[in-house]
Amino acid sequence: MTTESPRWFKSSYSGNGGQCVEVATNLVASCGVVPCRDSKRPNGPVLDVPASAFTSLVTGVKAGKFDAA
């Protein structure tokens, strides 16, 4: 088990609209997960996404698979 704390950040592409997701990629190597949270609720719930699933999500976003029709 690791005692490493998440180091939260949000994308530099995020505006100040208040609808941002923060991630902590520093836990991938030690825990195999990418914690995600709502930037408006830093003390709220955290979703631990398996690193492979997060990679698939990012790949899909970059490929435009989730663009509006």
Protein backbone atom coordinates (compact mmCIF):
# COMPACT_ATOMS: atom_id res chain seq x y z
CA MET A 1 0.00 0.00 0.00
CA THR A 2 1.20 3.50 -0.70
CA THR A 3 1.03 6.51 1.54
CA GLU A 4 1.46 8.84 -1.42
CA SER A 5 -1.16 11.59 -1.61
CA PRO A 6 -2.87 12.54 -4.86
CA ARG A 7 -1.42 15.61 -6.58
CA TRP A 8 -4.49 17.12 -8.20
CA PHE A 9 -4.50 19.10 -11.44
CA LYS A 10 -6.90 20.03 -14.19
CA SER A 11 -6.23 20.44 -17.88
CA SER A 12 -4.69 23.67 -19.11
CA TYR A 13 -7.54 23.62 -21.65
CA SER A 14 -10.08 24.06 -18.84
CA GLY A 15 -11.68 27.47 -18.68
CA ASN A 16 -12.97 29.12 -15.54
CA GLY A 17 -16.54 27.98 -16.20
CA GLY A 18 -16.55 25.84 -13.07
CA GLN A 19 -17.29 22.55 -14.82
CA CYS A 20 -13.89 20.92 -14.54
CA VAL A 21 -12.61 17.53 -13.56
CA GLU A 22 -9.35 17.17 -11.64
CA VAL A 23 -7.15 14.09 -11.88
CA ALA A 24 -4.13 12.82 -9.97
CA THR A 25 -1.91 10.88 -12.37
CA ASN A 26 0.88 10.50 -9.82
CA LEU A 27 -0.79 7.36 -8.41
CA VAL A 28 -0.70 5.33 -11.64
CA ALA A 29 2.66 3.68 -10.94
CA SER A 30 2.05 2.91 -7.28
CA CYS A 31 -1.68 2.07 -7.33
CA GLY A 32 -2.66 1.54 -10.97
CA VAL A 33 -5.48 4.09 -10.76
CA VAL A 34 -6.21 7.66 -11.80
CA PRO A 35 -8.29 9.35 -9.09
CA CYS A 36 -10.83 11.83 -10.52
CA ARG A 37 -12.95 14.44 -8.74
CA ASP A 38 -15.17 17.47 -9.34
CA SER A 39 -13.04 20.61 -9.08
CA LYS A 40 -15.93 22.45 -7.41
CA ARG A 41 -16.05 19.86 -4.61
CA PRO A 42 -12.45 19.12 -3.58
CA ASN A 43 -13.65 17.41 -0.40
CA GLY A 44 -16.33 15.47 -2.23
CA PRO A 45 -16.20 11.92 -3.57
CA VAL A 46 -13.28 10.62 -5.61
CA LEU A 47 -13.65 8.07 -8.40
CA ASP A 48 -10.63 5.79 -8.80
CA VAL A 49 -10.48 4.86 -12.48
CA PRO A 50 -8.21 1.98 -13.53
CA ALA A 51 -5.26 3.39 -15.48
CA SER A 52 -6.08 1.32 -18.57
CA ALA A 53 -9.67 2.62 -18.65
CA PHE A 54 -8.48 6.22 -18.24
CA THR A 55 -6.03 5.73 -21.11
CA SER A 56 -8.87 4.42 -23.29
CA LEU A 57 -11.01 7.44 -22.39
CA VAL A 58 -8.26 9.92 -23.28
CA THR A 59 -7.56 8.07 -26.55
CA GLY A 60 -11.26 8.21 -27.44
CA VAL A 61 -11.52 11.91 -26.65
CA LYS A 62 -8.48 12.69 -28.80
CA ALA A 63 -9.96 10.65 -31.66
CA GLY A 64 -13.25 12.57 -31.46
CA LYS A 65 -15.32 9.52 -30.50
CA PHE A 66 -17.39 11.58 -28.04
CA ASP A 67 -17.97 14.65 -30.19
CA ALA A 68 -21.56 15.79 -30.57
CA ALA A 69 -23.20 14.67 -33.80
